[in-house]
Amino acid sequence: MSYFFLDEYKNMEAYVPGEQPKDRQYIKLNANESSLPPSPKVMEAMSIAQINGMSHYSDPHCTELRKAIGAAFGFGYDQVFVGNGADEVLGFCMLAFFKPGMKVCFPDITYDFYRTYAKTYRLDYEQFPIKEDMTLDVEDYINTDRDVILANPNNPTGLSLPVSEIERIVAKNPHRMVIIDEAYVDYGNESCVPLVQKYDNLVVVQTFSKSRNMPGARIGFAISSKGIIDDMNKIKFTFNPFNMSSLAIAGGTAAIKDQEYFHKCVAEVIRIREEFEDELTGLGFEVIRTTTNFTFFKPKGISAKKMTEELRDRGILVRHYDEEKVKDYIRITIGTKMEMEIVLNNIKEITAECK
């Protein structure tokens, strides 16, 4: 730590991304990315003309991308904010609407970045415990005066709340902000984006990193009331007006417009996920059926930590968490059909060796 580092950040807890080793070729299923390529139309959009255009700044208003996202969801572009990944969008929410000491809440088992941001911005945060079946107790979030941040579906459990329950949380107090992170919403869930038309205190965040197959492009967005989006843009223009590259804007615009390819990819991931979960269940594993692009399960006859290590030794990266409630579980991103067959065969071999 340098002499100049601010004292208020000394207890900051940095987020730890999924492992990104370079020592060998891995089947990488530990970070909920995508094994499928982006839409071919994304490739076309990121053309020589766009590359030549990098001699100029990108559009700071990201107009075409915001218009395309708005059109896809039935909103005007003035109700859409875009950022360099969903994490940056959440960061701009924190900068715009939260100050040290403000009260916020989220589950004790969820996306780690919420706690990271809460500590960084010195918020008074509370983590409500998930129930034994890994679900959330909705009443915790209805009966609190704290602002709310929820991943729906949740990560790493993969379980979701119905929109009707989200609405109960949002409707309880119009002066309390509710941020719903819908990173995995497209894999068999109903989005709460339509609630934005009804409630001014709701911010819905989504990403191109999962169902649009573009984690490397770093594109996230929020849909909310015009007032909230205006506020977020004011903060952006005091911090980094050109937060999106020309290539990301062009590629993202093409991706959101190619609905046919999007639905095809989502259906493929769901099909492979369900088949893989059926196979794990057949092995006697305890499987939490998710509505995401990953599966979450407890192996049988071997600890989750040991299974994770064994798979890594075989060139397969998966995610294990040390938190007490989920330490017996493994999260595996759904890859291609071939990748998941390789993973399954290795899991069977490891399990057999432990008998």
Foldseek 3Di string as FASTA:
>chain_A
DDPPDDPLCPPFDDDDAFDDDDPDFFAEFAHQFAQDAFDVLLVVLLDPVLVVVLVDFADLLLQLLLCLVCVLVVHHSLQKDKFQALLVVVVLVCVLPPAAAAEEEEAPDFRCVVVNSCSRRNYNYDHHYADLVRHRDLVVLLPDPHAYEYEAVGPPLQHGDALVSVVSNCPNDLVHAYEYEDAFQLLDHDDNLVCQVVHQRYKYKYGCRHLSNCVVQRMIMIGHDSVSSVSSQVSCVVPPSRRHGSSSSSSSSSSSPCVVVSVVSSVQLNVLLVVLQVLQVVQVWAWNDHSGQKTKIAHPLDAPVVLQVQSVVVRYHWDADPDPSRNRMTITGRYHNVSSVVVSVSSVVVNVVSD
